[in-house]
Amino acid sequence: MSGHSKWATIKRQKGKTDAARGKVFTKIGREIAVAVKMGGPDPSSNSRLRDVIAKAKANNMPGDNITRSIKKASGELGSINYESITYEGYGPGGTAVIVETLTDNKNRTASDVRHIFDRAGGSMGTNGCVSYLFSNKGVIIIEKTEKMDDDEVMMAALDAGAEDFNIEDGNYEILTDPATFSTVRENLEKAGYEFVSAQLDMLPASYIGLDDETAKKVMRMLDMFDENDDVQNVYHNAELPEDEVEE
């Protein structure tokens, strides 16, 4: 989670170039491959695959790309084994950082992640060194429109099984327990809601304020992680200014 505002993160992601969006599609393709390998290619019987498909759609991944990824994962690329490895460490200003990866070469990935931490002026730590500062939650973002009623959306979210509901930056943020994320997302989808983002996130208990120069260093670190094909998600507790987050 990049920054104090979840919606600011989404705005930053949506402002990326076509080349960067291509990288996002590649990363989601790996998630599809893992989901298919774990539960098969049929979304109706594979809740994890349904969740990844929803994430792909929220990131504007074309339907043809999604279908191709599923077919590849169940066919010629099914033999590729991606291993899920999570790294923890400290970024500029003592920020806590969690890096989730999917890799077919863990030695390469470990070296790359350590190198990025070092280049950013931080350090890679041991498992558990910062994860206790975060909680795992399902996070669903719905863009608010003039036709929407706040109370109606809140009741729909709570009826769907959500734990918490917030209105942030003119958007609805719905939090769920990881175990009920799929159910809540599907219930809201059936109710006709479209998502800006719907995925499992690591949310920090609190944020660290940074000066402008340190915030820029954190942003450069995040960009380096984003550019690495093995890195799927990066979470941290740095409070970044809006103008540093938007692109």
Protein backbone atom coordinates (compact mmCIF):
# COMPACT_ATOMS: atom_id res chain seq x y z
CA MET A 1 0.00 0.00 0.00
CA SER A 2 1.78 3.08 -1.24
CA GLY A 3 0.91 6.07 0.88
CA HIS A 4 -1.57 7.23 3.47
CA SER A 5 -4.51 7.17 1.08
CA LYS A 6 -5.54 3.92 -0.60
CA TRP A 7 -7.28 5.95 -3.31
CA ALA A 8 -4.08 7.92 -3.89
CA THR A 9 -2.39 4.61 -4.59
CA ILE A 10 -5.02 3.70 -7.15
CA LYS A 11 -4.70 7.09 -8.85
CA ARG A 12 -0.95 6.57 -9.09
CA GLN A 13 -1.41 3.12 -10.60
CA LYS A 14 -4.00 4.32 -13.11
CA GLY A 15 -1.74 7.15 -14.22
CA LYS A 16 0.98 4.81 -15.41
CA THR A 17 2.09 4.48 -19.01
CA ASP A 18 1.00 1.72 -21.38
CA ALA A 19 4.35 0.00 -20.83
CA ALA A 20 3.81 0.02 -17.07
CA ARG A 21 0.27 -1.29 -17.51
CA GLY A 22 1.75 -4.10 -19.57
CA LYS A 23 3.91 -4.98 -16.57
CA VAL A 24 0.80 -5.01 -14.37
CA PHE A 25 -0.88 -7.42 -16.78
CA THR A 26 2.23 -9.64 -16.68
CA LYS A 27 2.14 -9.72 -12.89
CA ILE A 28 -1.59 -10.52 -12.86
CA GLY A 29 -0.89 -13.25 -15.42
CA ARG A 30 1.43 -14.89 -12.90
CA GLU A 31 -1.30 -14.70 -10.24
CA ILE A 32 -3.69 -16.36 -12.68
CA ALA A 33 -1.11 -19.11 -13.32
CA VAL A 34 -0.78 -19.80 -9.59
CA ALA A 35 -4.55 -19.76 -9.07
CA VAL A 36 -5.13 -22.17 -11.97
CA LYS A 37 -2.41 -24.53 -10.73
CA MET A 38 -3.94 -24.54 -7.24
CA GLY A 39 -7.61 -24.87 -8.13
CA GLY A 40 -8.04 -25.51 -11.84
CA PRO A 41 -9.04 -23.31 -14.80
CA ASP A 42 -12.79 -23.09 -14.06
CA PRO A 43 -13.59 -19.86 -12.16
CA SER A 44 -16.94 -21.25 -11.01
CA SER A 45 -15.16 -23.80 -8.83
CA ASN A 46 -12.00 -21.79 -8.08
CA SER A 47 -12.63 -18.83 -5.78
CA ARG A 48 -9.00 -17.73 -5.89
CA LEU A 49 -9.16 -17.53 -9.68
CA ARG A 50 -12.40 -15.55 -9.46
CA ASP A 51 -10.66 -13.06 -7.17
CA VAL A 52 -7.71 -12.66 -9.55
CA ILE A 53 -10.07 -12.19 -12.51
CA ALA A 54 -11.87 -9.44 -10.58
CA LYS A 55 -8.51 -7.81 -9.88
CA ALA A 56 -7.62 -8.08 -13.57
CA LYS A 57 -10.87 -6.40 -14.60
CA ALA A 58 -10.37 -3.61 -12.03
CA ASN A 59 -6.97 -2.99 -13.66
CA ASN A 60 -8.64 -2.80 -17.11
CA MET A 61 -7.01 -6.00 -18.31
CA PRO A 62 -8.81 -7.01 -21.55
CA GLY A 63 -11.00 -10.10 -21.41
CA ASP A 64 -9.00 -11.75 -24.21
CA ASN A 65 -5.81 -11.36 -22.14
CA ILE A 66 -7.50 -12.96 -19.13
CA THR A 67 -8.77 -15.89 -21.20
CA ARG A 68 -5.35 -16.39 -22.81
CA SER A 69 -3.66 -16.34 -19.40
CA ILE A 70 -6.01 -19.02 -18.08
CA LYS A 71 -5.48 -21.19 -21.16
CA LYS A 72 -1.71 -20.80 -20.97
CA ALA A 73 -1.69 -21.61 -17.27
CA SER A 74 -3.64 -24.83 -17.87
CA GLY A 75 -1.63 -25.74 -20.99
CA GLU A 76 1.91 -25.21 -22.14
CA LEU A 77 2.89 -22.90 -19.27
CA GLY A 78 1.35 -25.12 -16.61
CA SER A 79 4.75 -26.67 -16.00
CA ILE A 80 6.20 -23.35 -14.78
CA ASN A 81 6.15 -23.27 -11.01
CA TYR A 82 5.96 -19.85 -9.41
CA GLU A 83 6.90 -19.78 -5.74
CA SER A 84 5.35 -17.19 -3.45
CA ILE A 85 8.00 -15.55 -1.26
CA THR A 86 7.55 -12.54 1.02
CA TYR A 87 10.44 -10.29 2.07
CA GLU A 88 10.49 -7.71 4.84
CA GLY A 89 12.78 -4.80 5.51
CA TYR A 90 13.27 -1.12 6.15
CA GLY A 91 13.13 1.68 3.61
CA PRO A 92 14.27 5.32 3.80
CA GLY A 93 13.39 7.03 7.06
CA GLY A 94 12.95 3.72 8.85
CA THR A 95 9.74 2.90 6.97
CA ALA A 96 8.48 -0.65 7.30
CA VAL A 97 8.28 -2.47 3.95
CA ILE A 98 6.76 -5.80 2.91
CA VAL A 99 7.49 -7.14 -0.58
CA GLU A 100 5.39 -9.99 -1.98
CA THR A 101 6.87 -11.89 -4.94
CA LEU A 102 6.03 -14.73 -7.32
CA THR A 103 9.19 -16.21 -8.78
CA ASP A 104 10.59 -19.16 -10.72
CA ASN A 105 14.09 -18.37 -9.40
CA LYS A 106 14.19 -17.49 -5.72
CA ASN A 107 17.94 -16.81 -5.68
CA ARG A 108 17.55 -14.16 -8.40
CA THR A 109 14.56 -12.59 -6.68
CA ALA A 110 16.19 -12.48 -3.26
CA SER A 111 19.24 -10.81 -4.79
CA ASP A 112 17.10 -8.28 -6.69
CA VAL A 113 15.00 -7.37 -3.65
CA ARG A 114 18.07 -6.95 -1.45
CA HIS A 115 19.70 -4.79 -4.12
CA ILE A 116 16.66 -2.48 -4.29
CA PHE A 117 16.60 -2.09 -0.51
CA ASP A 118 20.32 -1.26 -0.54
CA ARG A 119 20.02 1.23 -3.43
CA ALA A 120 17.19 3.00 -1.62
CA GLY A 121 19.27 3.41 1.51
CA GLY A 122 17.35 0.78 3.43
CA SER A 123 17.99 -2.83 4.39
CA MET A 124 16.33 -6.19 3.97
CA GLY A 125 15.44 -7.81 7.28
CA THR A 126 14.30 -11.19 8.52
CA ASN A 127 10.80 -12.62 8.28
CA GLY A 128 8.59 -11.05 10.92
CA CYS A 129 10.72 -7.95 11.47
CA VAL A 130 7.96 -5.57 10.30
CA SER A 131 4.89 -7.69 9.45
CA TYR A 132 3.58 -7.32 13.01
CA LEU A 133 2.97 -3.65 12.17
CA PHE A 134 0.42 -4.64 9.47
CA SER A 135 -2.87 -6.49 9.33
CA ASN A 136 -4.13 -8.54 6.39
CA LYS A 137 -7.44 -7.22 5.05
CA GLY A 138 -9.56 -7.42 1.95
CA VAL A 139 -9.85 -3.92 0.48
CA ILE A 140 -12.54 -3.01 -2.04
CA ILE A 141 -12.65 0.47 -3.56
CA ILE A 142 -15.81 1.73 -5.29
CA GLU A 143 -15.79 5.07 -7.04
CA LYS A 144 -18.55 7.30 -5.71
CA THR A 145 -20.95 8.86 -8.22
CA GLU A 146 -23.69 11.46 -7.84
CA LYS A 147 -26.37 8.77 -8.10
CA MET A 148 -25.00 6.80 -5.16
CA ASP A 149 -26.35 7.18 -1.63
CA ASP A 150 -23.73 6.81 1.10
CA ASP A 151 -26.03 4.99 3.54
CA GLU A 152 -27.30 2.65 0.84
CA VAL A 153 -23.77 1.65 -0.21
CA MET A 154 -22.73 1.24 3.42
CA MET A 155 -25.70 -1.05 4.16
CA ALA A 156 -25.00 -3.06 1.00
CA ALA A 157 -21.38 -3.51 2.09
CA LEU A 158 -22.28 -4.52 5.64
CA ASP A 159 -25.05 -6.85 4.43
CA ALA A 160 -22.49 -8.42 2.09
CA GLY A 161 -20.33 -9.22 5.15
CA ALA A 162 -17.88 -6.31 5.28
CA GLU A 163 -16.08 -5.46 8.52
CA ASP A 164 -15.73 -1.72 7.99
CA PHE A 165 -16.80 1.04 5.62
CA ASN A 166 -15.14 4.40 4.97
CA ILE A 167 -15.63 7.32 2.61
CA GLU A 168 -12.21 8.55 1.55
CA ASP A 169 -11.34 11.10 -1.14
CA GLY A 170 -14.86 10.81 -2.56
CA ASN A 171 -14.67 7.02 -2.84
CA TYR A 172 -15.97 4.11 -0.82
CA GLU A 173 -13.41 1.93 0.96
CA ILE A 174 -14.75 -1.42 2.15
CA LEU A 175 -12.67 -3.61 4.46
CA THR A 176 -13.19 -7.32 4.96
CA ASP A 177 -11.67 -10.24 6.81
CA PRO A 178 -9.38 -12.15 4.38
CA ALA A 179 -11.49 -15.29 4.84
CA THR A 180 -14.69 -13.53 3.71
CA PHE A 181 -13.17 -11.28 1.02
CA SER A 182 -14.32 -13.44 -1.90
CA THR A 183 -17.86 -13.66 -0.57
CA VAL A 184 -18.14 -9.91 0.09
CA ARG A 185 -16.71 -9.05 -3.32
CA GLU A 186 -19.04 -11.44 -5.12
CA ASN A 187 -22.10 -10.22 -3.18
CA LEU A 188 -21.33 -6.61 -4.09
CA GLU A 189 -20.65 -7.61 -7.70
CA LYS A 190 -24.04 -9.32 -7.88
CA ALA A 191 -25.61 -6.15 -6.44
CA GLY A 192 -24.30 -4.28 -9.48
CA TYR A 193 -21.29 -2.47 -8.02
CA GLU A 194 -18.13 -1.99 -10.09
CA PHE A 195 -14.73 -1.83 -8.41
CA VAL A 196 -11.78 0.47 -8.88
CA SER A 197 -9.78 -2.07 -6.89
CA ALA A 198 -10.55 -5.34 -5.11
CA GLN A 199 -7.73 -7.31 -3.52
CA LEU A 200 -6.11 -8.52 -0.32
CA ASP A 201 -3.77 -5.92 1.20
CA MET A 202 -1.49 -5.51 4.19
CA LEU A 203 -2.65 -2.39 6.01
CA PRO A 204 -0.31 -0.63 8.48
CA ALA A 205 -1.59 0.09 11.97
CA SER A 206 -0.13 3.61 11.70
CA TYR A 207 1.90 5.74 9.31
CA ILE A 208 5.29 7.45 9.57
CA GLY A 209 5.51 11.09 8.54
CA LEU A 210 8.48 11.91 6.28
CA ASP A 211 10.18 15.06 5.05
CA ASP A 212 10.02 15.80 1.31
CA GLU A 213 13.44 14.41 0.45
CA THR A 214 12.85 11.13 2.31
CA ALA A 215 9.41 10.80 0.72
CA LYS A 216 11.03 11.11 -2.72
CA LYS A 217 13.49 8.36 -1.80
CA VAL A 218 10.59 6.11 -0.78
CA MET A 219 8.86 6.82 -4.09
CA ARG A 220 12.02 5.93 -6.02
CA MET A 221 12.23 2.68 -4.05
CA LEU A 222 8.60 1.85 -4.87
CA ASP A 223 9.23 2.54 -8.55
CA MET A 224 12.20 0.15 -8.53
CA PHE A 225 10.06 -2.57 -6.96
CA ASP A 226 7.27 -1.89 -9.48
CA GLU A 227 9.71 -2.36 -12.35
CA ASN A 228 10.78 -5.80 -11.13
CA ASP A 229 8.74 -8.56 -12.81
CA ASP A 230 8.95 -10.87 -9.78
CA VAL A 231 7.46 -8.31 -7.37
CA GLN A 232 3.69 -8.56 -7.10
CA ASN A 233 2.84 -6.21 -4.23
CA VAL A 234 4.65 -3.77 -1.96
CA TYR A 235 3.23 -2.49 1.32
CA HIS A 236 4.71 0.16 3.59
CA ASN A 237 3.80 2.59 6.36
CA ALA A 238 5.18 5.83 4.89
CA GLU A 239 2.77 8.76 4.79
CA LEU A 240 3.44 10.26 1.38
CA PRO A 241 2.20 13.68 0.21
CA GLU A 242 -0.54 13.59 -2.45
CA ASP A 243 1.62 15.43 -4.96
CA GLU A 244 4.30 12.76 -4.59
CA VAL A 245 1.79 9.96 -5.12
CA GLU A 246 -0.04 11.20 -8.18
CA GLU A 247 1.52 10.97 -11.61
